[in-house]
PDB file of all heavy atoms in Angstrom:
ATOM      1  N   LYS A   1       0.862  -1.225  -0.004  1.00  0.00           N
ATOM      2  CA  LYS A   1       0.075  -0.056   0.018  1.00  0.00           C
ATOM      3  C   LYS A   1       0.891   1.288  -0.050  1.00  0.00           C
ATOM      4  O   LYS A   1       0.559   2.183  -0.783  1.00  0.00           O
ATOM      5  CB  LYS A   1      -0.886  -0.013   1.218  1.00  0.00           C
ATOM      6  CG  LYS A   1      -1.723   1.246   1.442  1.00  0.00           C
ATOM      7  CD  LYS A   1      -2.630   1.112   2.626  1.00  0.00           C
ATOM      8  CE  LYS A   1      -3.445   2.276   2.967  1.00  0.00           C
ATOM      9  NZ  LYS A   1      -2.527   3.402   3.546  1.00  0.00           N
ATOM     10  N   LEU A   2       1.979   1.231   0.799  1.00  0.00           N
ATOM     11  CA  LEU A   2       2.743   2.532   1.011  1.00  0.00           C
ATOM     12  C   LEU A   2       3.503   2.802  -0.278  1.00  0.00           C
ATOM     13  O   LEU A   2       3.740   4.026  -0.608  1.00  0.00           O
ATOM     14  CB  LEU A   2       3.686   2.312   2.107  1.00  0.00           C
ATOM     15  CG  LEU A   2       3.099   2.214   3.548  1.00  0.00           C
ATOM     16  CD1 LEU A   2       4.242   2.038   4.597  1.00  0.00           C
ATOM     17  CD2 LEU A   2       2.254   3.446   3.848  1.00  0.00           C
ATOM     18  N   VAL A   3       3.967   1.789  -1.062  1.00  0.00           N
ATOM     19  CA  VAL A   3       4.696   2.076  -2.373  1.00  0.00           C
ATOM     20  C   VAL A   3       3.802   2.425  -3.482  1.00  0.00           C
ATOM     21  O   VAL A   3       4.333   2.731  -4.606  1.00  0.00           O
ATOM     22  CB  VAL A   3       5.709   0.975  -2.570  1.00  0.00           C
ATOM     23  CG1 VAL A   3       6.661   0.716  -1.521  1.00  0.00           C
ATOM     24  CG2 VAL A   3       4.988  -0.387  -3.053  1.00  0.00           C
ATOM     25  N   GLY A   4       2.493   2.303  -3.287  1.00  0.00           N
ATOM     26  CA  GLY A   4       1.675   2.666  -4.389  1.00  0.00           C
ATOM     27  C   GLY A   4       0.814   1.551  -5.041  1.00  0.00           C
ATOM     28  O   GLY A   4       0.280   1.679  -6.146  1.00  0.00           O
ATOM     29  N   GLY A   5       0.835   0.390  -4.403  1.00  0.00           N
ATOM     30  CA  GLY A   5      -0.085  -0.642  -4.869  1.00  0.00           C
ATOM     31  C   GLY A   5       0.661  -1.772  -5.568  1.00  0.00           C
ATOM     32  O   GLY A   5       1.924  -1.774  -5.730  1.00  0.00           O
ATOM     33  N   GLU A   6      -0.094  -2.764  -6.054  1.00  0.00           N
ATOM     34  CA  GLU A   6       0.526  -3.890  -6.616  1.00  0.00           C
ATOM     35  C   GLU A   6       1.426  -3.699  -7.908  1.00  0.00           C
ATOM     36  O   GLU A   6       2.470  -4.324  -8.098  1.00  0.00           O
ATOM     37  CB  GLU A   6      -0.595  -4.888  -7.058  1.00  0.00           C
ATOM     38  CG  GLU A   6      -0.133  -6.269  -7.524  1.00  0.00           C
ATOM     39  CD  GLU A   6      -1.306  -7.235  -7.707  1.00  0.00           C
ATOM     40  OE1 GLU A   6      -2.491  -6.940  -7.453  1.00  0.00           O
ATOM     41  OE2 GLU A   6      -1.092  -8.369  -8.053  1.00  0.00           O
ATOM     42  N   GLU A   7       0.997  -2.695  -8.737  1.00  0.00           N
ATOM     43  CA  GLU A   7       1.941  -2.432  -9.877  1.00  0.00           C
ATOM     44  C   GLU A   7       3.307  -2.082  -9.535  1.00  0.00           C
ATOM     45  O   GLU A   7       4.226  -2.481 -10.217  1.00  0.00           O
ATOM     46  CB  GLU A   7       1.193  -1.321 -10.647  1.00  0.00           C
ATOM     47  CG  GLU A   7       1.984  -0.950 -11.998  1.00  0.00           C
ATOM     48  CD  GLU A   7       1.257   0.142 -12.738  1.00  0.00           C
ATOM     49  OE1 GLU A   7       0.175   0.560 -12.321  1.00  0.00           O
ATOM     50  OE2 GLU A   7       1.893   0.639 -13.674  1.00  0.00           O
ATOM     51  N   LYS A   8       3.486  -1.411  -8.404  1.00  0.00           N
ATOM     52  CA  LYS A   8       4.805  -1.031  -7.961  1.00  0.00           C
ATOM     53  C   LYS A   8       5.522  -2.173  -7.178  1.00  0.00           C
ATOM     54  O   LYS A   8       6.691  -2.306  -7.178  1.00  0.00           O
ATOM     55  CB  LYS A   8       4.734   0.195  -7.096  1.00  0.00           C
ATOM     56  CG  LYS A   8       4.209   1.466  -7.889  1.00  0.00           C
ATOM     57  CD  LYS A   8       5.109   2.015  -8.879  1.00  0.00           C
ATOM     58  CE  LYS A   8       4.591   3.155  -9.642  1.00  0.00           C
ATOM     59  NZ  LYS A   8       4.246   4.314  -8.829  1.00  0.00           N
ATOM     60  N   PHE A   9       4.634  -2.900  -6.421  1.00  0.00           N
ATOM     61  CA  PHE A   9       5.225  -3.875  -5.472  1.00  0.00           C
ATOM     62  C   PHE A   9       5.619  -5.144  -6.131  1.00  0.00           C
ATOM     63  O   PHE A   9       6.605  -5.797  -5.751  1.00  0.00           O
ATOM     64  CB  PHE A   9       4.222  -4.102  -4.357  1.00  0.00           C
ATOM     65  CG  PHE A   9       4.789  -4.800  -3.106  1.00  0.00           C
ATOM     66  CD1 PHE A   9       5.592  -4.124  -2.311  1.00  0.00           C
ATOM     67  CD2 PHE A   9       4.462  -6.103  -2.781  1.00  0.00           C
ATOM     68  CE1 PHE A   9       6.207  -4.719  -1.154  1.00  0.00           C
ATOM     69  CE2 PHE A   9       5.022  -6.790  -1.754  1.00  0.00           C
ATOM     70  CZ  PHE A   9       5.853  -6.073  -0.811  1.00  0.00           C
ATOM     71  N   GLN A  10       4.863  -5.520  -7.147  1.00  0.00           N
ATOM     72  CA  GLN A  10       5.050  -6.914  -7.738  1.00  0.00           C
ATOM     73  C   GLN A  10       6.517  -7.038  -8.322  1.00  0.00           C
ATOM     74  O   GLN A  10       7.162  -8.116  -8.143  1.00  0.00           O
ATOM     75  CB  GLN A  10       4.001  -7.118  -8.817  1.00  0.00           C
ATOM     76  CG  GLN A  10       3.904  -8.670  -9.115  1.00  0.00           C
ATOM     77  CD  GLN A  10       3.557  -9.496  -7.925  1.00  0.00           C
ATOM     78  OE1 GLN A  10       2.619  -9.059  -7.082  1.00  0.00           O
ATOM     79  NE2 GLN A  10       4.280 -10.534  -7.636  1.00  0.00           N
ATOM     80  N   PRO A  11       7.059  -5.991  -9.085  1.00  0.00           N
ATOM     81  CA  PRO A  11       8.402  -6.192  -9.534  1.00  0.00           C
ATOM     82  C   PRO A  11       9.438  -6.358  -8.455  1.00  0.00           C
ATOM     83  O   PRO A  11      10.406  -7.114  -8.591  1.00  0.00           O
ATOM     84  CB  PRO A  11       8.658  -4.868 -10.287  1.00  0.00           C
ATOM     85  CG  PRO A  11       7.325  -4.413 -10.742  1.00  0.00           C
ATOM     86  CD  PRO A  11       6.423  -4.784  -9.568  1.00  0.00           C
ATOM     87  N   PHE A  12       9.127  -5.752  -7.222  1.00  0.00           N
ATOM     88  CA  PHE A  12      10.050  -5.863  -6.073  1.00  0.00           C
ATOM     89  C   PHE A  12      10.077  -7.405  -5.655  1.00  0.00           C
ATOM     90  O   PHE A  12      11.071  -7.937  -5.345  1.00  0.00           O
ATOM     91  CB  PHE A  12       9.576  -5.028  -4.930  1.00  0.00           C
ATOM     92  CG  PHE A  12      10.092  -5.511  -3.565  1.00  0.00           C
ATOM     93  CD1 PHE A  12      11.453  -5.372  -3.194  1.00  0.00           C
ATOM     94  CD2 PHE A  12       9.248  -6.117  -2.733  1.00  0.00           C
ATOM     95  CE1 PHE A  12      11.921  -5.861  -2.047  1.00  0.00           C
ATOM     96  CE2 PHE A  12       9.668  -6.622  -1.495  1.00  0.00           C
ATOM     97  CZ  PHE A  12      11.020  -6.553  -1.141  1.00  0.00           C
ATOM     98  N   LEU A  13       8.880  -7.984  -5.616  1.00  0.00           N
ATOM     99  CA  LEU A  13       8.819  -9.389  -5.235  1.00  0.00           C
ATOM    100  C   LEU A  13       9.621 -10.294  -6.110  1.00  0.00           C
ATOM    101  O   LEU A  13      10.237 -11.177  -5.693  1.00  0.00           O
ATOM    102  CB  LEU A  13       7.346  -9.820  -5.182  1.00  0.00           C
ATOM    103  CG  LEU A  13       6.542  -9.584  -3.936  1.00  0.00           C
ATOM    104  CD1 LEU A  13       5.201 -10.249  -3.972  1.00  0.00           C
ATOM    105  CD2 LEU A  13       7.316 -10.014  -2.644  1.00  0.00           C
ATOM    106  N   ARG A  14       9.498 -10.080  -7.356  1.00  0.00           N
ATOM    107  CA  ARG A  14      10.234 -10.929  -8.348  1.00  0.00           C
ATOM    108  C   ARG A  14      11.706 -10.740  -8.086  1.00  0.00           C
ATOM    109  O   ARG A  14      12.541 -11.720  -8.055  1.00  0.00           O
ATOM    110  CB  ARG A  14       9.874 -10.656  -9.766  1.00  0.00           C
ATOM    111  CG  ARG A  14       8.401 -11.058 -10.058  1.00  0.00           C
ATOM    112  CD  ARG A  14       8.130 -10.704 -11.586  1.00  0.00           C
ATOM    113  NE  ARG A  14       8.823 -11.572 -12.519  1.00  0.00           N
ATOM    114  CZ  ARG A  14       8.261 -12.613 -12.965  1.00  0.00           C
ATOM    115  NH1 ARG A  14       7.033 -12.967 -12.805  1.00  0.00           N
ATOM    116  NH2 ARG A  14       8.923 -13.373 -13.889  1.00  0.00           N
ATOM    117  N   ARG A  15      12.184  -9.558  -7.900  1.00  0.00           N
ATOM    118  CA  ARG A  15      13.580  -9.220  -7.645  1.00  0.00           C
ATOM    119  C   ARG A  15      14.056  -9.842  -6.314  1.00  0.00           C
ATOM    120  O   ARG A  15      15.162 -10.410  -6.135  1.00  0.00           O
ATOM    121  CB  ARG A  15      13.818  -7.707  -7.643  1.00  0.00           C
ATOM    122  CG  ARG A  15      14.037  -7.070  -8.910  1.00  0.00           C
ATOM    123  CD  ARG A  15      14.819  -5.773  -8.829  1.00  0.00           C
ATOM    124  NE  ARG A  15      16.134  -6.029  -8.250  1.00  0.00           N
ATOM    125  CZ  ARG A  15      16.886  -5.212  -7.512  1.00  0.00           C
ATOM    126  NH1 ARG A  15      16.306  -4.075  -7.110  1.00  0.00           N
ATOM    127  NH2 ARG A  15      18.089  -5.486  -7.093  1.00  0.00           N
ATOM    128  N   TYR A  16      13.118  -9.829  -5.285  1.00  0.00           N
ATOM    129  CA  TYR A  16      13.395 -10.442  -4.045  1.00  0.00           C
ATOM    130  C   TYR A  16      13.744 -11.902  -4.205  1.00  0.00           C
ATOM    131  O   TYR A  16      14.709 -12.445  -3.650  1.00  0.00           O
ATOM    132  CB  TYR A  16      12.222 -10.184  -3.108  1.00  0.00           C
ATOM    133  CG  TYR A  16      12.192 -10.857  -1.793  1.00  0.00           C
ATOM    134  CD1 TYR A  16      12.816 -10.386  -0.676  1.00  0.00           C
ATOM    135  CD2 TYR A  16      11.562 -12.187  -1.638  1.00  0.00           C
ATOM    136  CE1 TYR A  16      12.807 -10.919   0.544  1.00  0.00           C
ATOM    137  CE2 TYR A  16      11.518 -12.790  -0.388  1.00  0.00           C
ATOM    138  CZ  TYR A  16      12.171 -12.227   0.689  1.00  0.00           C
ATOM    139  OH  TYR A  16      12.134 -12.842   1.868  1.00  0.00           O
ATOM    140  N   PHE A  17      12.875 -12.645  -4.935  1.00  0.00           N
ATOM    141  CA  PHE A  17      13.089 -14.065  -5.086  1.00  0.00           C
ATOM    142  C   PHE A  17      14.296 -14.395  -5.963  1.00  0.00           C
ATOM    143  O   PHE A  17      15.027 -15.302  -5.727  1.00  0.00           O
ATOM    144  CB  PHE A  17      11.824 -14.764  -5.680  1.00  0.00           C
ATOM    145  CG  PHE A  17      10.626 -14.784  -4.772  1.00  0.00           C
ATOM    146  CD1 PHE A  17       9.451 -14.132  -5.200  1.00  0.00           C
ATOM    147  CD2 PHE A  17      10.719 -15.330  -3.533  1.00  0.00           C
ATOM    148  CE1 PHE A  17       8.422 -14.164  -4.254  1.00  0.00           C
ATOM    149  CE2 PHE A  17       9.665 -15.340  -2.631  1.00  0.00           C
ATOM    150  CZ  PHE A  17       8.482 -14.739  -3.066  1.00  0.00           C
ATOM    151  N   GLU A  18      14.621 -13.472  -6.954  1.00  0.00           N
ATOM    152  CA  GLU A  18      15.853 -13.687  -7.768  1.00  0.00           C
ATOM    153  C   GLU A  18      17.062 -13.432  -6.840  1.00  0.00           C
ATOM    154  O   GLU A  18      18.026 -14.201  -6.898  1.00  0.00           O
ATOM    155  CB  GLU A  18      15.835 -12.736  -8.917  1.00  0.00           C
ATOM    156  CG  GLU A  18      14.766 -13.039  -9.957  1.00  0.00           C
ATOM    157  CD  GLU A  18      14.611 -11.900 -10.951  1.00  0.00           C
ATOM    158  OE1 GLU A  18      15.372 -10.979 -10.898  1.00  0.00           O
ATOM    159  OE2 GLU A  18      13.700 -12.036 -11.848  1.00  0.00           O
ATOM    160  N   HIS A  19      16.979 -12.338  -6.052  1.00  0.00           N
ATOM    161  CA  HIS A  19      18.159 -11.966  -5.260  1.00  0.00           C
ATOM    162  C   HIS A  19      18.485 -13.009  -4.169  1.00  0.00           C
ATOM    163  O   HIS A  19      19.710 -13.318  -3.937  1.00  0.00           O
ATOM    164  CB  HIS A  19      17.945 -10.563  -4.715  1.00  0.00           C
ATOM    165  CG  HIS A  19      19.110 -10.101  -3.830  1.00  0.00           C
ATOM    166  ND1 HIS A  19      20.304  -9.615  -4.372  1.00  0.00           N
ATOM    167  CD2 HIS A  19      19.306 -10.022  -2.503  1.00  0.00           C
ATOM    168  CE1 HIS A  19      21.135  -9.189  -3.420  1.00  0.00           C
ATOM    169  NE2 HIS A  19      20.563  -9.469  -2.295  1.00  0.00           N
ATOM    170  N   PHE A  20      17.519 -13.429  -3.422  1.00  0.00           N
ATOM    171  CA  PHE A  20      17.754 -14.296  -2.276  1.00  0.00           C
ATOM    172  C   PHE A  20      17.546 -15.807  -2.654  1.00  0.00           C
ATOM    173  O   PHE A  20      17.639 -16.655  -1.752  1.00  0.00           O
ATOM    174  CB  PHE A  20      16.826 -13.945  -1.148  1.00  0.00           C
ATOM    175  CG  PHE A  20      17.130 -12.610  -0.515  1.00  0.00           C
ATOM    176  CD1 PHE A  20      16.360 -11.509  -0.663  1.00  0.00           C
ATOM    177  CD2 PHE A  20      18.263 -12.484   0.358  1.00  0.00           C
ATOM    178  CE1 PHE A  20      16.629 -10.230  -0.066  1.00  0.00           C
ATOM    179  CE2 PHE A  20      18.664 -11.213   0.897  1.00  0.00           C
ATOM    180  CZ  PHE A  20      17.776 -10.199   0.743  1.00  0.00           C
ATOM    181  N   GLY A  21      17.174 -16.088  -3.955  1.00  0.00           N
ATOM    182  CA  GLY A  21      17.003 -17.450  -4.331  1.00  0.00           C
ATOM    183  C   GLY A  21      18.102 -18.405  -3.910  1.00  0.00           C
ATOM    184  O   GLY A  21      19.281 -18.145  -4.212  1.00  0.00           O
ATOM    185  N   GLY A  22      17.808 -19.582  -3.266  1.00  0.00           N
ATOM    186  CA  GLY A  22      18.838 -20.538  -2.863  1.00  0.00           C
ATOM    187  C   GLY A  22      19.406 -20.157  -1.529  1.00  0.00           C
ATOM    188  O   GLY A  22      20.278 -20.875  -1.083  1.00  0.00           O
ATOM    189  N   ARG A  23      18.990 -19.075  -0.934  1.00  0.00           N
ATOM    190  CA  ARG A  23      19.644 -18.602   0.306  1.00  0.00           C
ATOM    191  C   ARG A  23      18.614 -18.440   1.391  1.00  0.00           C
ATOM    192  O   ARG A  23      17.427 -18.593   1.235  1.00  0.00           O
ATOM    193  CB  ARG A  23      20.437 -17.296   0.091  1.00  0.00           C
ATOM    194  CG  ARG A  23      21.538 -17.405  -0.917  1.00  0.00           C
ATOM    195  CD  ARG A  23      22.423 -16.162  -0.926  1.00  0.00           C
ATOM    196  NE  ARG A  23      21.791 -15.051  -1.675  1.00  0.00           N
ATOM    197  CZ  ARG A  23      22.019 -13.788  -1.435  1.00  0.00           C
ATOM    198  NH1 ARG A  23      22.815 -13.392  -0.499  1.00  0.00           N
ATOM    199  NH2 ARG A  23      21.378 -12.837  -2.199  1.00  0.00           N
ATOM    200  N   THR A  24      19.088 -17.892   2.504  1.00  0.00           N
ATOM    201  CA  THR A  24      18.179 -17.543   3.653  1.00  0.00           C
ATOM    202  C   THR A  24      18.147 -16.047   3.759  1.00  0.00           C
ATOM    203  O   THR A  24      18.951 -15.312   3.285  1.00  0.00           O
ATOM    204  CB  THR A  24      18.633 -18.161   4.936  1.00  0.00           C
ATOM    205  OG1 THR A  24      19.986 -17.684   5.286  1.00  0.00           O
ATOM    206  CG2 THR A  24      18.720 -19.660   4.863  1.00  0.00           C
TER     207      THR A  24
END
């Protein structure tokens, strides 16, 4: 909500899984 909704947040989630993938 704070960053402006799903359109802004969803790319962050994909980057999050790419960045931390295979790790803790």
